Structure formats: C-alpha cells, structure tokens
Amino acid sequence: MAFRPLLTRKTLACAAGLGSNGGIATSFRGLQTFTLPDLPYDYGALQPAISGEIMQLHHQKHHQAYVTNYNKALEQLHDAISKGDAPAVVKLQSAIKFNGGGHVNHSIFWKNLAPIQEGGGEPPKGSLGWAIDNDFGSLDALVQKMNAEGAALQGSGWVWLSVDKELKKLVVETTSNQDPLVTKGPSLVPLIGIDVWEHAYYLQYKNVRPDYLKNIWKVINWKYASEVYEKECP
C-alpha cells in the first residue's frame, strides 16, 4: 500500500496547480477519480486566435480521453496494489504519467486562455510584469523566447513559463509529450503553459506551428498567471 499516498487528492491537486474546479470528482470504489473540467468561456470565444472547432475537439475529445484513461489506469493500479502485483504496478506508471499529465496540463491550459473582451492578451501588470522585465528584459523578449523554444520542440509537448518558488525566479521550460512541469523540478510552479501538440492547432494552422504560437498570445490570460505568481511569491 506504499503507493497510495502518491495518489491522494491533495498531492495530485498540488502537483497540478489545480483548484477546486480542476476536475477532481468524488471517490469511486474508495479511489479518487477525475472529471473533465468545464471551460470558463464558450468554445468560439477565443476566435480568431483559436477556432471554436479546435477548442471543442481539444476539450471534448482529447482532454476527455486523458481523463478517461487516467481513471482507468488509477483503477488498475488500485487493483494491482491490493493484489500485491508489483510488475503490474510498475507497468502502469507510464500510463498514469501520460494520461495524468495530459489532464494536469490541459486543466492549466484552459485557465491560461481568456477571450479578448475579458482581458485575454492584456500584458501582465504588477509584480509579475516587473519580474518578467527583470528576468527576461521585457515581455516581448519572453514571448520570443517561448515561441522559439516551442517551435523548436521536436514532436509533441509543452512550453512553459514557470516560477521557481525556491529561487523566486521566472524560468522557461519545455516538456515532452504530456509530461507535467513538475517532472522538471518540484519547485517549479506553472504560470503559462502552451500546448504544442498538433491537435491544439492543426485544423487552423496546418503544420505552421510558429503562426499558432504567434497568435495564441492574443488570448493569454495574464491575470490568472499573475494571481498564481503573487500567491507563490507574495
């Protein structure tokens, strides 16, 4: 039963940076399961930066698949632990990391976006704005850095703006596939995560990832990122 503490609601919520609306559901057979979180805006609200068709497919199909497969893997893990089946426990770790990471990452991603009429794209102010200027020189320099690293990422993955809560410093990182940011270091807290899997942009931008990266900043929710930053670096 030594694995059980790794899968508690509190631990997973903290690793994900999720709040009470982060898709955590009631218990199932004594096991916490997860649900698809609602979006705080309509599917078409981010147009023209991101089409409504992409948002609907991304949320209803892709994110839902991660949630479904995550719950399935957790149930299988619960059964394997109860049976003392160590090989099965080890085998399930990759599915838990991939699907759990997909759920964690997308739950953050939806909060990182906002319609223009609701403040999407408005530059960060206050302490986060000052930190960006201090650590990167300017907001434009940060955007260029994240766009370059996101465009250069081979295959699928994510590009992140995070704060190292121990060093009190902003950091840009990339993660492969659905690896959550915590895999790059336990002190890193995600502020902005941009999905560079093709399913996030292909229907609209085809294979031109740099155009997607250029336009997504028009709907980035800097207010949310600032709230997270101020909580971690008061």
Protein backbone atom coordinates (compact mmCIF):
# COMPACT_ATOMS: atom_id res chain seq x y z
CA MET A 1 0.00 0.00 0.00
CA ALA A 2 3.03 2.29 -0.10
CA PHE A 3 1.90 3.82 -3.39
CA ARG A 4 -1.41 5.12 -2.07
CA PRO A 5 -0.11 8.44 -0.63
CA LEU A 6 1.15 9.39 -4.10
CA LEU A 7 -2.40 9.36 -5.39
CA THR A 8 -4.23 11.36 -2.77
CA ARG A 9 -6.41 14.29 -3.79
CA LYS A 10 -4.17 16.80 -2.01
CA THR A 11 -0.93 15.59 -3.61
CA LEU A 12 -2.33 15.46 -7.14
CA ALA A 13 -4.02 18.84 -6.80
CA CYS A 14 -0.82 20.49 -5.61
CA ALA A 15 1.27 18.93 -8.37
CA ALA A 16 -1.24 20.07 -10.95
CA GLY A 17 -1.72 23.56 -9.65
CA LEU A 18 -5.46 22.77 -9.67
CA GLY A 19 -8.09 24.36 -7.52
CA SER A 20 -11.49 23.05 -6.53
CA ASN A 21 -12.68 23.24 -10.15
CA GLY A 22 -9.72 21.32 -11.56
CA GLY A 23 -11.67 18.23 -12.45
CA ILE A 24 -11.42 16.23 -9.22
CA ALA A 25 -14.54 14.17 -8.57
CA THR A 26 -15.94 12.04 -5.79
CA SER A 27 -14.45 8.73 -4.76
CA PHE A 28 -15.02 5.58 -6.76
CA ARG A 29 -14.56 2.22 -5.05
CA GLY A 30 -12.52 4.06 -2.42
CA LEU A 31 -10.40 5.72 -5.11
CA GLN A 32 -10.39 9.39 -6.14
CA THR A 33 -11.40 9.77 -9.77
CA PHE A 34 -11.24 12.78 -12.05
CA THR A 35 -13.69 14.57 -14.32
CA LEU A 36 -13.38 16.87 -17.31
CA PRO A 37 -13.45 20.48 -16.03
CA ASP A 38 -15.84 22.93 -17.62
CA LEU A 39 -14.37 25.74 -19.68
CA PRO A 40 -14.92 29.27 -18.30
CA TYR A 41 -15.84 30.52 -21.80
CA ASP A 42 -17.60 29.30 -24.95
CA TYR A 43 -15.71 27.22 -27.49
CA GLY A 44 -15.84 30.05 -30.04
CA ALA A 45 -14.85 32.80 -27.61
CA LEU A 46 -11.13 32.68 -28.49
CA GLN A 47 -11.62 33.24 -32.21
CA PRO A 48 -9.87 34.23 -34.39
CA ALA A 49 -6.75 33.18 -32.46
CA ILE A 50 -8.12 29.66 -31.85
CA SER A 51 -11.15 28.39 -33.72
CA GLY A 52 -14.23 27.09 -31.97
CA GLU A 53 -13.89 23.77 -33.79
CA ILE A 54 -10.40 23.24 -32.41
CA MET A 55 -11.45 24.19 -28.89
CA GLN A 56 -14.42 21.81 -28.92
CA LEU A 57 -12.40 18.87 -30.23
CA HIS A 58 -9.49 19.66 -27.95
CA HIS A 59 -11.67 19.81 -24.86
CA GLN A 60 -14.39 17.21 -25.52
CA LYS A 61 -12.27 14.60 -27.29
CA HIS A 62 -8.60 14.95 -26.39
CA HIS A 63 -8.83 16.15 -22.79
CA GLN A 64 -11.72 13.78 -22.12
CA ALA A 65 -9.64 10.87 -23.42
CA TYR A 66 -6.85 11.71 -20.97
CA VAL A 67 -9.32 11.84 -18.09
CA THR A 68 -10.95 8.54 -19.08
CA ASN A 69 -7.65 6.73 -19.47
CA TYR A 70 -6.23 8.28 -16.31
CA ASN A 71 -9.15 7.00 -14.25
CA LYS A 72 -8.83 3.58 -15.88
CA ALA A 73 -5.12 3.41 -15.06
CA LEU A 74 -5.74 4.50 -11.46
CA GLU A 75 -8.38 1.82 -11.03
CA GLN A 76 -5.99 -0.79 -12.42
CA LEU A 77 -3.27 0.50 -10.10
CA HIS A 78 -5.63 0.25 -7.13
CA ASP A 79 -6.38 -3.36 -8.04
CA ALA A 80 -2.72 -4.22 -8.64
CA ILE A 81 -1.68 -2.80 -5.26
CA SER A 82 -4.47 -4.62 -3.46
CA LYS A 83 -3.25 -7.88 -5.05
CA GLY A 84 0.41 -7.15 -4.35
CA ASP A 85 1.15 -7.36 -8.11
CA ALA A 86 4.42 -5.40 -8.26
CA PRO A 87 5.08 -5.93 -12.02
CA ALA A 88 1.61 -4.57 -12.86
CA VAL A 89 2.19 -1.56 -10.61
CA VAL A 90 5.43 -0.75 -12.41
CA LYS A 91 3.88 -1.29 -15.84
CA LEU A 92 1.06 1.18 -15.11
CA GLN A 93 3.37 4.07 -14.26
CA SER A 94 3.79 5.19 -17.89
CA ALA A 95 0.02 5.28 -18.49
CA ILE A 96 -0.51 7.23 -15.28
CA LYS A 97 2.21 9.73 -16.17
CA PHE A 98 0.96 10.22 -19.73
CA ASN A 99 -2.76 10.44 -19.09
CA GLY A 100 -2.47 12.10 -15.69
CA GLY A 101 -0.06 14.60 -17.20
CA GLY A 102 -2.49 15.22 -20.04
CA HIS A 103 -5.23 16.00 -17.53
CA VAL A 104 -2.98 18.19 -15.38
CA ASN A 105 -1.57 20.13 -18.34
CA HIS A 106 -4.89 20.76 -20.07
CA SER A 107 -6.59 21.82 -16.84
CA ILE A 108 -3.94 24.54 -16.55
CA PHE A 109 -4.09 25.37 -20.28
CA TRP A 110 -7.79 26.27 -20.24
CA LYS A 111 -7.16 28.71 -17.38
CA ASN A 112 -4.26 30.23 -19.28
CA LEU A 113 -6.65 31.42 -22.01
CA ALA A 114 -9.30 34.15 -21.97
CA PRO A 115 -11.41 35.91 -24.61
CA ILE A 116 -10.06 39.30 -25.69
CA GLN A 117 -13.17 41.05 -24.36
CA GLU A 118 -12.47 39.50 -20.96
CA GLY A 119 -8.85 40.60 -20.78
CA GLY A 120 -7.16 37.97 -22.94
CA GLY A 121 -3.86 39.25 -24.27
CA GLU A 122 -3.62 42.20 -21.89
CA PRO A 123 0.02 42.50 -20.70
CA PRO A 124 0.81 41.45 -17.15
CA LYS A 125 0.94 44.19 -14.56
CA GLY A 126 2.25 44.47 -11.03
CA SER A 127 4.78 42.06 -9.58
CA LEU A 128 4.68 39.56 -12.46
CA GLY A 129 5.25 42.30 -15.03
CA TRP A 130 8.23 43.55 -13.04
CA ALA A 131 9.61 40.02 -12.66
CA ILE A 132 9.37 39.44 -16.43
CA ASP A 133 11.29 42.66 -17.10
CA ASN A 134 13.89 41.69 -14.51
CA ASP A 135 14.41 38.09 -15.64
CA PHE A 136 13.96 38.42 -19.41
CA GLY A 137 14.42 42.09 -20.20
CA SER A 138 10.90 42.65 -21.50
CA LEU A 139 7.61 40.90 -22.24
CA ASP A 140 8.49 40.85 -25.95
CA ALA A 141 11.76 39.09 -25.16
CA LEU A 142 9.93 36.48 -23.09
CA VAL A 143 7.38 35.87 -25.83
CA GLN A 144 10.14 35.49 -28.42
CA LYS A 145 11.97 33.01 -26.19
CA MET A 146 8.89 30.89 -25.56
CA ASN A 147 7.89 30.98 -29.22
CA ALA A 148 11.37 29.91 -30.30
CA GLU A 149 11.56 27.06 -27.79
CA GLY A 150 8.01 25.94 -28.57
CA ALA A 151 8.66 25.95 -32.31
CA ALA A 152 11.91 24.03 -31.88
CA LEU A 153 10.40 21.32 -29.68
CA GLN A 154 10.59 18.08 -31.62
CA GLY A 155 7.42 16.03 -31.78
CA SER A 156 4.75 16.91 -29.23
CA GLY A 157 4.92 18.69 -25.91
CA TRP A 158 4.53 21.93 -24.00
CA VAL A 159 6.38 25.19 -23.46
CA TRP A 160 6.05 26.75 -20.01
CA LEU A 161 6.60 29.96 -18.15
CA SER A 162 7.09 28.97 -14.54
CA VAL A 163 8.30 30.41 -11.30
CA ASP A 164 10.89 28.60 -9.23
CA LYS A 165 9.32 29.16 -5.82
CA GLU A 166 12.58 28.44 -4.02
CA LEU A 167 14.77 30.77 -6.10
CA LYS A 168 11.92 33.29 -6.69
CA LYS A 169 12.91 33.38 -10.34
CA LEU A 170 10.98 33.00 -13.60
CA VAL A 171 12.02 30.09 -15.81
CA VAL A 172 11.08 28.94 -19.32
CA GLU A 173 10.96 25.16 -19.73
CA THR A 174 9.71 22.64 -22.27
CA THR A 175 8.30 19.20 -21.56
CA SER A 176 7.82 16.32 -23.98
CA ASN A 177 4.54 14.58 -24.73
CA GLN A 178 2.24 15.07 -21.70
CA ASP A 179 4.94 15.30 -19.05
CA PRO A 180 3.77 17.83 -16.45
CA LEU A 181 6.10 20.64 -15.43
CA VAL A 182 6.74 19.03 -12.03
CA THR A 183 8.90 16.44 -13.86
CA LYS A 184 11.44 19.23 -14.46
CA GLY A 185 11.67 20.09 -10.79
CA PRO A 186 9.42 20.04 -7.71
CA SER A 187 9.93 23.75 -7.04
CA LEU A 188 8.61 24.84 -10.47
CA VAL A 189 5.08 26.24 -10.49
CA PRO A 190 3.40 26.70 -13.90
CA LEU A 191 2.18 30.19 -14.76
CA ILE A 192 1.61 29.82 -18.51
CA GLY A 193 1.60 26.53 -20.41
CA ILE A 194 1.21 26.41 -24.20
CA ASP A 195 0.22 23.14 -25.83
CA VAL A 196 2.29 22.48 -28.97
CA TRP A 197 0.73 19.14 -29.83
CA GLU A 198 -0.67 19.29 -33.38
CA HIS A 199 -4.19 18.67 -32.08
CA ALA A 200 -4.03 22.14 -30.50
CA TYR A 201 -3.64 23.96 -33.82
CA TYR A 202 -3.52 21.76 -36.94
CA LEU A 203 -7.12 22.28 -38.13
CA GLN A 204 -6.48 26.02 -38.28
CA TYR A 205 -2.75 26.47 -38.77
CA LYS A 206 -1.86 23.19 -40.54
CA ASN A 207 1.81 22.43 -39.84
CA VAL A 208 2.82 26.06 -39.28
CA ARG A 209 3.35 25.92 -35.52
CA PRO A 210 5.10 29.34 -35.36
CA ASP A 211 1.91 31.07 -36.59
CA TYR A 212 -0.10 29.37 -33.84
CA LEU A 213 2.46 30.42 -31.24
CA LYS A 214 2.41 33.99 -32.50
CA ASN A 215 -1.38 34.29 -32.31
CA ILE A 216 -2.07 32.48 -29.05
CA TRP A 217 -0.61 35.40 -27.08
CA LYS A 218 -3.65 37.43 -28.14
CA VAL A 219 -5.76 35.32 -25.77
CA ILE A 220 -3.29 34.53 -22.98
CA ASN A 221 -4.81 35.14 -19.55
CA TRP A 222 -2.09 37.10 -17.79
CA LYS A 223 -4.46 37.91 -14.95
CA TYR A 224 -4.57 34.24 -13.97
CA ALA A 225 -0.79 33.92 -14.30
CA SER A 226 -0.35 36.99 -12.09
CA GLU A 227 -2.62 35.56 -9.41
CA VAL A 228 -0.59 32.34 -9.29
CA TYR A 229 2.68 34.27 -9.21
CA GLU A 230 1.57 36.54 -6.38
CA LYS A 231 0.43 33.52 -4.38
CA GLU A 232 3.83 31.82 -4.78
CA CYS A 233 5.91 34.99 -4.45
CA PRO A 234 3.99 37.30 -2.09
